[in-house]
Amino acid sequence: MLSIINSRGGSGAYTHHTGEITRLEIAVAGMGYKKLRIENLPPEVLDDTLRVTLAPFGQVLGIQNEM
């Protein structure tokens, strides 16, 4: 996971269905289980979409929304 984050420079982008692009900051936090924090993720991205997208990198145990 760390190599993927590093290869992307800790950032990414999400393209909305309207064409608007939102910049994302991606970082690893915590010890033991790895916690992945994705900032500026649009609210229309469903938890199931995140779970499916992150599944190739490991088991997703939970998703917590923050404000």
Protein backbone atom coordinates (compact mmCIF):
# COMPACT_ATOMS: atom_id res chain seq x y z
CA MET A 1 0.00 0.00 0.00
CA LEU A 2 2.79 2.40 0.87
CA SER A 3 4.45 1.89 -2.51
CA ILE A 4 1.15 2.71 -4.25
CA ILE A 5 0.73 5.89 -2.20
CA ASN A 6 4.33 6.88 -2.87
CA SER A 7 3.98 6.22 -6.59
CA ARG A 8 1.04 8.64 -6.65
CA GLY A 9 2.87 11.25 -4.57
CA GLY A 10 0.27 11.04 -1.80
CA SER A 11 -2.41 12.60 -3.94
CA GLY A 12 -4.97 11.79 -6.56
CA ALA A 13 -8.08 13.14 -8.22
CA TYR A 14 -11.74 12.21 -8.45
CA THR A 15 -13.74 13.21 -11.50
CA HIS A 16 -17.40 13.91 -10.74
CA HIS A 17 -20.12 12.95 -13.21
CA THR A 18 -20.39 16.70 -13.96
CA GLY A 19 -16.76 16.79 -15.08
CA GLU A 20 -15.58 18.71 -12.00
CA ILE A 21 -12.28 17.36 -10.63
CA THR A 22 -11.62 17.16 -6.86
CA ARG A 23 -8.01 16.81 -5.65
CA LEU A 24 -7.50 14.05 -3.06
CA GLU A 25 -4.77 13.72 -0.44
CA ILE A 26 -3.96 10.10 0.52
CA ALA A 27 -1.97 9.07 3.60
CA VAL A 28 -1.37 6.05 5.85
CA ALA A 29 -2.05 6.57 9.55
CA GLY A 30 -1.87 4.40 12.67
CA MET A 31 -0.05 1.21 13.69
CA GLY A 32 -1.02 -2.46 13.57
CA TYR A 33 -3.90 -2.46 11.17
CA LYS A 34 -3.28 0.09 8.48
CA LYS A 35 -5.62 3.04 8.34
CA LEU A 36 -5.93 4.83 5.06
CA ARG A 37 -7.20 8.41 5.15
CA ILE A 38 -8.57 9.81 1.93
CA GLU A 39 -9.25 13.53 2.18
CA ASN A 40 -11.69 15.52 0.06
CA LEU A 41 -13.53 12.44 -1.16
CA PRO A 42 -16.90 13.60 -2.56
CA PRO A 43 -19.95 12.48 -0.55
CA GLU A 44 -21.50 10.76 -3.58
CA VAL A 45 -18.77 8.06 -3.47
CA LEU A 46 -20.47 5.12 -1.77
CA ASP A 47 -18.81 2.95 0.88
CA ASP A 48 -19.30 -0.07 -1.40
CA THR A 49 -17.37 1.71 -4.16
CA LEU A 50 -14.46 2.33 -1.78
CA ARG A 51 -14.57 -1.26 -0.54
CA VAL A 52 -14.44 -2.69 -4.09
CA THR A 53 -11.74 -0.22 -5.18
CA LEU A 54 -9.48 -0.95 -2.18
CA ALA A 55 -10.07 -4.75 -2.08
CA PRO A 56 -7.10 -5.60 -4.36
CA PHE A 57 -4.78 -4.04 -1.76
CA GLY A 58 -6.12 -5.93 1.28
CA GLN A 59 -9.18 -6.68 3.34
CA VAL A 60 -11.27 -3.60 4.15
CA LEU A 61 -12.43 -4.03 7.74
CA GLY A 62 -14.39 -0.81 8.02
CA ILE A 63 -15.04 2.62 6.62
CA GLN A 64 -15.44 5.66 8.87
CA ASN A 65 -16.71 8.97 7.59
CA GLU A 66 -15.15 12.13 9.05
CA MET A 67 -15.94 15.80 8.71
